[in-house]
Amino acid sequence: MATWRLPLLRRALLLSSPPSPFFNFSTLSTPLKQSKSKPSFVECCSLSTEESTSSAAVVQSEIPKMGTNSKWKPMCLYHTQGSCTMMEDPLHLDKFCHSCSVDFEESVPVLNDSRRAQEFDYFLVLDLEGKVEILEFPVLLFDAKTLDVVDLFHRFVRPTKMSEKRINEYIEGKYGGFGVDRVWHDTAIPFDDVIEQFESWLRKKRDGNINLWREEGDGHLNEAAFVTCGNWDVKTKIPQQCEVSGMKLPPYFMEWINLKDIYLNFYNRRAPGMLSMMRELGIRPLGSHHLGIDDSKNIARVLRRLITDGALMQITAKRSRLSPHAVKFLFQNRV
């Protein structure tokens, strides 16, 4: 049992199984159909050469558009929550991706592979969504040797300090334009449940007997490190959410790699965010900006390019063991 939990009654949660749906999924196909009043998930998640007037579209003015011949498909967000009931529906499988794989086709010039040996075996690419409380918690497991995404953990998070009316307004504003507000309501669970399930995911044996988490030791990650696009996710938002949820900060959030700092020090140029890095590297963004699972995949594509170009992924920030709110930044040149 994780020692940072407060001594409250634990929920009856089976860690080894996916979360139970909040609603009946017999009408799961509904959000996949076209609607006159709201764009579908397929429409909102697919970039095309046509101009989009939807407010949910990716910022078209600063990024290249995805070609119409792309094989990219949006993720089935019920599947990432462990709740898809349409795995035998060929039309559904044709429209939506059910794999953790990431399209790296254009992100790496194969002939310019200048890789260095990395200090970590795995990188956990994390990109949270939600300003008031965390709404989405996506983590991609990136293999430092194969440069592939080999697993993922993705949960929608239900706020704990908001009224239902405020939650509905919040989710409509955040995810309604993407057409994924329904799947959020169907699958979202409280943050402490998300962390319990995430820890169960960390315990999985990989490559025979490799565990990503030193649970019985110092509680840090084992030969792995979080990778974020900025410091906000791990430095600021996770501690805030832990306080709101009445739990202590898990020790595996004590250090992380800010990809912006790696980018700045390796290429000797500053990039304020994910889209600017992708634009400068000539990588076409895929998916919907500010949908966490899609942003995580695009960050993984930037990570792969950096490693292939010869960058060394190093910890850029650490918390003080005695005072977790005190953070030491390890790079002199940083964003």
Protein backbone atom coordinates (compact mmCIF):
# COMPACT_ATOMS: atom_id res chain seq x y z
CA MET A 1 0.00 0.00 0.00
CA ALA A 2 1.30 3.46 -0.88
CA THR A 3 2.40 5.20 2.31
CA TRP A 4 1.45 8.73 1.16
CA ARG A 5 -2.29 8.04 1.37
CA LEU A 6 -4.15 9.72 4.19
CA PRO A 7 -5.85 7.25 6.58
CA LEU A 8 -9.27 7.50 4.95
CA LEU A 9 -11.53 4.63 3.95
CA ARG A 10 -10.32 3.39 0.60
CA ARG A 11 -12.72 2.86 -2.23
CA ALA A 12 -13.55 -0.70 -3.18
CA LEU A 13 -11.46 -0.60 -6.30
CA LEU A 14 -9.95 -3.55 -8.16
CA LEU A 15 -6.58 -2.18 -9.22
CA SER A 16 -5.99 -4.84 -11.83
CA SER A 17 -9.24 -4.15 -13.68
CA PRO A 18 -10.38 -1.13 -15.72
CA PRO A 19 -12.82 1.35 -14.20
CA SER A 20 -16.49 0.52 -14.39
CA PRO A 21 -18.46 2.82 -16.72
CA PHE A 22 -20.73 5.38 -15.13
CA PHE A 23 -23.41 4.88 -17.77
CA ASN A 24 -24.86 2.20 -19.99
CA PHE A 25 -22.70 1.90 -23.10
CA SER A 26 -25.35 0.24 -25.23
CA THR A 27 -25.64 3.49 -27.21
CA LEU A 28 -21.89 3.91 -27.58
CA SER A 29 -22.15 4.61 -31.29
CA THR A 30 -24.10 7.84 -30.70
CA PRO A 31 -21.10 10.15 -30.29
CA LEU A 32 -19.58 8.73 -33.47
CA LYS A 33 -22.46 9.88 -35.69
CA GLN A 34 -22.62 13.19 -37.44
CA SER A 35 -24.64 15.90 -35.75
CA LYS A 36 -26.04 19.15 -37.07
CA SER A 37 -25.66 20.88 -33.73
CA LYS A 38 -22.19 19.71 -32.69
CA PRO A 39 -19.16 18.48 -34.65
CA SER A 40 -18.41 14.81 -34.24
CA PHE A 41 -15.30 13.49 -32.51
CA VAL A 42 -14.02 12.28 -35.88
CA GLU A 43 -14.45 15.72 -37.45
CA CYS A 44 -12.82 17.56 -34.57
CA CYS A 45 -9.89 15.19 -34.11
CA SER A 46 -8.88 14.90 -37.76
CA LEU A 47 -6.77 17.66 -39.30
CA SER A 48 -7.40 18.18 -43.02
CA THR A 49 -6.45 20.55 -45.82
CA GLU A 50 -9.83 22.23 -45.61
CA GLU A 51 -10.27 25.35 -43.47
CA SER A 52 -12.16 24.73 -40.26
CA THR A 53 -14.29 27.40 -38.64
CA SER A 54 -14.78 25.45 -35.43
CA SER A 55 -13.32 27.01 -32.27
CA ALA A 56 -12.03 23.54 -31.39
CA ALA A 57 -9.77 23.36 -34.42
CA VAL A 58 -6.03 23.40 -33.94
CA VAL A 59 -4.47 26.84 -34.44
CA GLN A 60 -4.26 26.57 -38.22
CA SER A 61 -2.27 29.77 -38.76
CA GLU A 62 0.93 28.56 -37.11
CA ILE A 63 1.09 24.84 -37.92
CA PRO A 64 1.12 22.82 -41.14
CA LYS A 65 -1.99 20.83 -41.97
CA MET A 66 -2.05 17.06 -42.10
CA GLY A 67 -2.33 15.57 -45.56
CA THR A 68 -5.55 13.88 -46.58
CA ASN A 69 -3.67 10.66 -47.35
CA SER A 70 -2.54 10.23 -43.74
CA LYS A 71 -3.23 6.91 -42.04
CA TRP A 72 -3.71 8.68 -38.71
CA LYS A 73 -6.94 7.93 -36.83
CA PRO A 74 -8.25 9.45 -33.57
CA MET A 75 -8.04 7.31 -30.46
CA CYS A 76 -11.14 5.58 -29.18
CA LEU A 77 -11.34 7.33 -25.83
CA TYR A 78 -13.62 4.65 -24.41
CA HIS A 79 -10.89 2.15 -25.21
CA THR A 80 -8.21 4.16 -23.38
CA GLN A 81 -10.47 4.14 -20.31
CA GLY A 82 -10.91 0.35 -20.61
CA SER A 83 -14.59 0.74 -21.51
CA CYS A 84 -14.98 0.22 -25.27
CA THR A 85 -17.82 -2.17 -26.09
CA MET A 86 -17.45 -1.99 -29.88
CA MET A 87 -14.28 -3.98 -30.48
CA GLU A 88 -16.15 -6.29 -32.87
CA ASP A 89 -17.70 -3.47 -34.90
CA PRO A 90 -15.67 -3.13 -38.14
CA LEU A 91 -16.94 0.40 -38.83
CA HIS A 92 -15.88 1.56 -35.37
CA LEU A 93 -12.48 -0.13 -35.70
CA ASP A 94 -11.98 1.50 -39.08
CA LYS A 95 -12.69 4.99 -37.71
CA PHE A 96 -10.83 4.85 -34.41
CA CYS A 97 -7.39 3.75 -33.24
CA HIS A 98 -7.22 1.15 -30.45
CA SER A 99 -3.42 0.92 -30.28
CA CYS A 100 -0.86 2.82 -28.21
CA SER A 101 1.34 3.23 -31.28
CA VAL A 102 2.27 6.72 -32.44
CA ASP A 103 2.70 7.80 -36.07
CA PHE A 104 6.40 8.71 -36.28
CA GLU A 105 6.51 8.54 -40.07
CA GLU A 106 7.52 12.16 -40.60
CA SER A 107 9.10 13.04 -37.28
CA VAL A 108 12.54 11.46 -37.78
CA PRO A 109 14.91 11.59 -40.76
CA VAL A 110 16.15 8.00 -40.60
CA LEU A 111 19.44 8.73 -42.38
CA ASN A 112 20.42 11.28 -39.69
CA ASP A 113 20.25 8.97 -36.69
CA SER A 114 22.86 10.27 -34.22
CA ARG A 115 21.53 8.66 -31.07
CA ARG A 116 23.41 8.72 -27.77
CA ALA A 117 23.00 6.17 -25.02
CA GLN A 118 20.29 7.43 -22.68
CA GLU A 119 20.36 7.43 -18.88
CA PHE A 120 16.84 5.99 -18.71
CA ASP A 121 15.22 2.92 -20.22
CA TYR A 122 11.78 4.53 -20.42
CA PHE A 123 10.23 7.98 -20.58
CA LEU A 124 6.73 8.65 -19.30
CA VAL A 125 5.33 11.41 -21.51
CA LEU A 126 2.74 13.34 -19.49
CA ASP A 127 0.50 16.21 -20.58
CA LEU A 128 -2.27 17.15 -18.14
CA GLU A 129 -5.41 19.05 -19.07
CA GLY A 130 -7.47 21.23 -16.74
CA LYS A 131 -6.75 24.60 -15.14
CA VAL A 132 -9.07 24.60 -12.09
CA GLU A 133 -8.74 20.87 -11.40
CA ILE A 134 -7.11 18.15 -13.50
CA LEU A 135 -9.56 16.85 -16.11
CA GLU A 136 -7.33 14.47 -18.07
CA PHE A 137 -4.31 12.38 -17.06
CA PRO A 138 -2.55 10.82 -20.10
CA VAL A 139 0.82 9.04 -19.88
CA LEU A 140 2.63 7.41 -22.81
CA LEU A 141 5.37 4.87 -22.09
CA PHE A 142 8.21 5.63 -24.51
CA ASP A 143 10.96 3.02 -24.92
CA ALA A 144 14.35 4.76 -25.05
CA LYS A 145 15.91 1.91 -27.06
CA THR A 146 13.25 1.25 -29.71
CA LEU A 147 12.00 4.86 -29.74
CA ASP A 148 8.44 3.56 -29.79
CA VAL A 149 5.46 4.11 -27.52
CA VAL A 150 4.89 0.67 -26.01
CA ASP A 151 2.04 1.33 -23.58
CA LEU A 152 -0.27 4.07 -22.39
CA PHE A 153 -2.31 5.07 -19.38
CA HIS A 154 -5.19 7.47 -19.90
CA ARG A 155 -7.98 8.56 -17.57
CA PHE A 156 -10.45 11.41 -17.50
CA VAL A 157 -10.59 12.96 -14.04
CA ARG A 158 -13.74 14.10 -12.22
CA PRO A 159 -13.25 17.26 -10.09
CA THR A 160 -13.85 16.82 -6.36
CA LYS A 161 -14.63 20.39 -5.25
CA MET A 162 -17.12 21.47 -7.91
CA SER A 163 -20.90 21.29 -8.07
CA GLU A 164 -22.42 19.16 -10.82
CA LYS A 165 -23.64 22.32 -12.54
CA ARG A 166 -20.14 23.79 -12.56
CA ILE A 167 -18.66 20.49 -13.77
CA ASN A 168 -21.12 20.37 -16.67
CA GLU A 169 -20.24 23.95 -17.66
CA TYR A 170 -16.53 23.25 -17.28
CA ILE A 171 -16.58 20.10 -19.40
CA GLU A 172 -18.79 21.64 -22.06
CA GLY A 173 -16.32 24.50 -22.38
CA LYS A 174 -13.26 22.27 -22.37
CA TYR A 175 -14.34 19.19 -24.36
CA GLY A 176 -17.67 20.10 -25.95
CA GLY A 177 -16.04 21.58 -29.01
CA PHE A 178 -14.10 18.36 -29.54
CA GLY A 179 -17.30 16.30 -29.28
CA VAL A 180 -15.83 14.19 -26.45
CA ASP A 181 -17.76 15.64 -23.51
CA ARG A 182 -19.97 12.56 -23.40
CA VAL A 183 -17.09 10.10 -23.09
CA TRP A 184 -15.68 12.30 -20.33
CA HIS A 185 -18.96 12.13 -18.37
CA ASP A 186 -19.22 8.39 -19.01
CA THR A 187 -15.74 7.50 -17.77
CA ALA A 188 -14.28 10.23 -15.52
CA ILE A 189 -13.27 9.15 -11.99
CA PRO A 190 -11.84 11.06 -8.98
CA PHE A 191 -8.14 11.90 -8.95
CA ASP A 192 -7.26 9.58 -6.04
CA ASP A 193 -8.79 6.68 -7.98
CA VAL A 194 -6.80 7.71 -11.05
CA ILE A 195 -3.58 7.62 -9.01
CA GLU A 196 -4.42 4.17 -7.62
CA GLN A 197 -5.00 2.85 -11.13
CA PHE A 198 -1.86 4.57 -12.39
CA GLU A 199 0.17 2.85 -9.68
CA SER A 200 -1.33 -0.48 -10.70
CA TRP A 201 -0.21 0.30 -14.25
CA LEU A 202 3.29 1.15 -12.98
CA ARG A 203 3.49 -2.23 -11.25
CA LYS A 204 3.13 -4.14 -14.52
CA LYS A 205 6.16 -6.25 -15.39
CA ARG A 206 7.84 -5.20 -18.61
CA ASP A 207 10.65 -6.79 -20.62
CA GLY A 208 10.40 -9.88 -18.49
CA ASN A 209 10.81 -8.52 -15.00
CA ILE A 210 11.31 -4.74 -15.17
CA ASN A 211 9.18 -2.68 -12.81
CA LEU A 212 8.85 1.05 -13.51
CA TRP A 213 8.35 1.91 -9.85
CA ARG A 214 10.54 1.34 -6.79
CA GLU A 215 7.47 0.97 -4.61
CA GLU A 216 9.21 -0.74 -1.71
CA GLY A 217 12.22 1.58 -1.80
CA ASP A 218 12.24 5.36 -2.12
CA GLY A 219 9.06 5.34 -4.18
CA HIS A 220 10.74 6.93 -7.20
CA LEU A 221 10.51 5.65 -10.75
CA ASN A 222 12.89 2.85 -11.70
CA GLU A 223 15.11 3.58 -14.74
CA ALA A 224 12.36 5.89 -15.99
CA ALA A 225 11.54 9.60 -15.93
CA PHE A 226 8.55 11.80 -16.62
CA VAL A 227 8.82 14.01 -19.71
CA THR A 228 6.66 17.13 -19.92
CA CYS A 229 6.41 20.14 -22.20
CA GLY A 230 7.04 22.71 -19.48
CA ASN A 231 7.23 22.55 -15.68
CA TRP A 232 3.58 23.26 -14.92
CA ASP A 233 2.27 19.68 -15.02
CA VAL A 234 4.49 18.13 -12.34
CA LYS A 235 5.81 21.21 -10.54
CA THR A 236 2.50 23.00 -10.02
CA LYS A 237 -0.67 21.18 -11.01
CA ILE A 238 -0.15 17.73 -9.53
CA PRO A 239 0.73 19.08 -6.03
CA GLN A 240 -2.29 21.39 -6.20
CA GLN A 241 -4.58 18.52 -7.17
CA CYS A 242 -3.18 16.32 -4.41
CA GLU A 243 -4.04 19.00 -1.86
CA VAL A 244 -7.56 19.39 -3.25
CA SER A 245 -8.02 15.60 -3.22
CA GLY A 246 -6.74 15.25 0.37
CA MET A 247 -3.70 13.14 -0.40
CA LYS A 248 0.06 13.49 -0.11
CA LEU A 249 2.24 13.97 -3.16
CA PRO A 250 3.44 10.56 -4.42
CA PRO A 251 7.27 10.39 -4.38
CA TYR A 252 7.56 9.44 -8.06
CA PHE A 253 6.64 13.07 -8.85
CA MET A 254 9.88 14.35 -7.27
CA GLU A 255 11.75 14.93 -10.54
CA TRP A 256 11.07 15.31 -14.25
CA ILE A 257 12.43 16.32 -17.66
CA ASN A 258 11.16 19.56 -19.17
CA LEU A 259 11.44 19.02 -22.92
CA LYS A 260 11.58 22.79 -23.52
CA ASP A 261 14.85 23.00 -21.57
CA ILE A 262 16.33 20.04 -23.46
CA TYR A 263 15.30 21.61 -26.75
CA LEU A 264 16.82 25.00 -25.80
CA ASN A 265 20.17 23.57 -24.70
CA PHE A 266 20.50 21.08 -27.56
CA TYR A 267 19.43 23.19 -30.53
CA ASN A 268 20.48 26.51 -28.93
CA ARG A 269 17.13 28.08 -29.72
CA ARG A 270 14.10 28.76 -27.60
CA ALA A 271 10.65 27.30 -28.29
CA PRO A 272 7.77 28.51 -26.12
CA GLY A 273 5.61 25.41 -26.61
CA MET A 274 4.89 22.13 -28.33
CA LEU A 275 3.56 23.64 -31.56
CA SER A 276 6.55 25.92 -32.02
CA MET A 277 8.95 22.98 -31.51
CA MET A 278 7.04 20.91 -34.06
CA ARG A 279 6.96 23.76 -36.55
CA GLU A 280 10.71 24.38 -36.28
CA LEU A 281 11.46 20.65 -36.62
CA GLY A 282 9.11 20.24 -39.57
CA ILE A 283 6.83 17.76 -37.76
CA ARG A 284 3.16 17.94 -38.70
CA PRO A 285 0.91 17.92 -35.63
CA LEU A 286 -1.72 15.20 -35.45
CA GLY A 287 -4.97 15.26 -33.53
CA SER A 288 -6.58 18.03 -31.50
CA HIS A 289 -4.50 20.54 -29.58
CA HIS A 290 -5.44 20.58 -25.86
CA LEU A 291 -6.85 17.06 -25.95
CA GLY A 292 -4.29 15.56 -23.58
CA ILE A 293 -3.89 12.16 -25.24
CA ASP A 294 -3.22 13.80 -28.62
CA ASP A 295 -0.81 16.39 -27.19
CA SER A 296 1.08 13.59 -25.41
CA LYS A 297 1.53 11.78 -28.71
CA ASN A 298 2.84 14.91 -30.39
CA ILE A 299 5.25 15.53 -27.50
CA ALA A 300 6.46 11.93 -27.94
CA ARG A 301 7.17 12.70 -31.59
CA VAL A 302 9.30 15.70 -30.58
CA LEU A 303 11.05 13.53 -27.97
CA ARG A 304 11.89 10.93 -30.61
CA ARG A 305 13.31 13.57 -32.93
CA LEU A 306 15.49 15.01 -30.17
CA ILE A 307 16.91 11.60 -29.28
CA THR A 308 17.52 10.73 -32.93
CA ASP A 309 19.33 14.02 -33.46
CA GLY A 310 21.65 13.17 -30.56
CA ALA A 311 20.13 14.88 -27.52
CA LEU A 312 20.66 13.39 -24.06
CA MET A 313 17.52 13.32 -21.94
CA GLN A 314 18.48 14.51 -18.45
CA ILE A 315 16.49 15.44 -15.36
CA THR A 316 15.89 19.20 -15.52
CA ALA A 317 14.10 19.77 -12.18
CA LYS A 318 14.03 18.12 -8.75
CA ARG A 319 12.04 18.69 -5.59
CA SER A 320 13.71 18.96 -2.21
CA ARG A 321 13.24 15.75 -0.25
CA LEU A 322 12.64 17.72 2.96
CA SER A 323 10.45 20.37 1.36
CA PRO A 324 8.66 19.01 -1.74
CA HIS A 325 7.31 22.45 -2.69
CA ALA A 326 10.90 23.69 -3.14
CA VAL A 327 12.10 22.89 -6.66
CA LYS A 328 15.67 23.07 -7.92
CA PHE A 329 16.13 23.65 -11.65
CA LEU A 330 19.25 21.90 -12.91
CA PHE A 331 19.89 23.69 -16.21
CA GLN A 332 21.37 27.18 -16.24
CA ASN A 333 19.74 27.94 -19.60
CA ARG A 334 16.08 27.16 -19.23
CA VAL A 335 12.70 28.28 -20.47
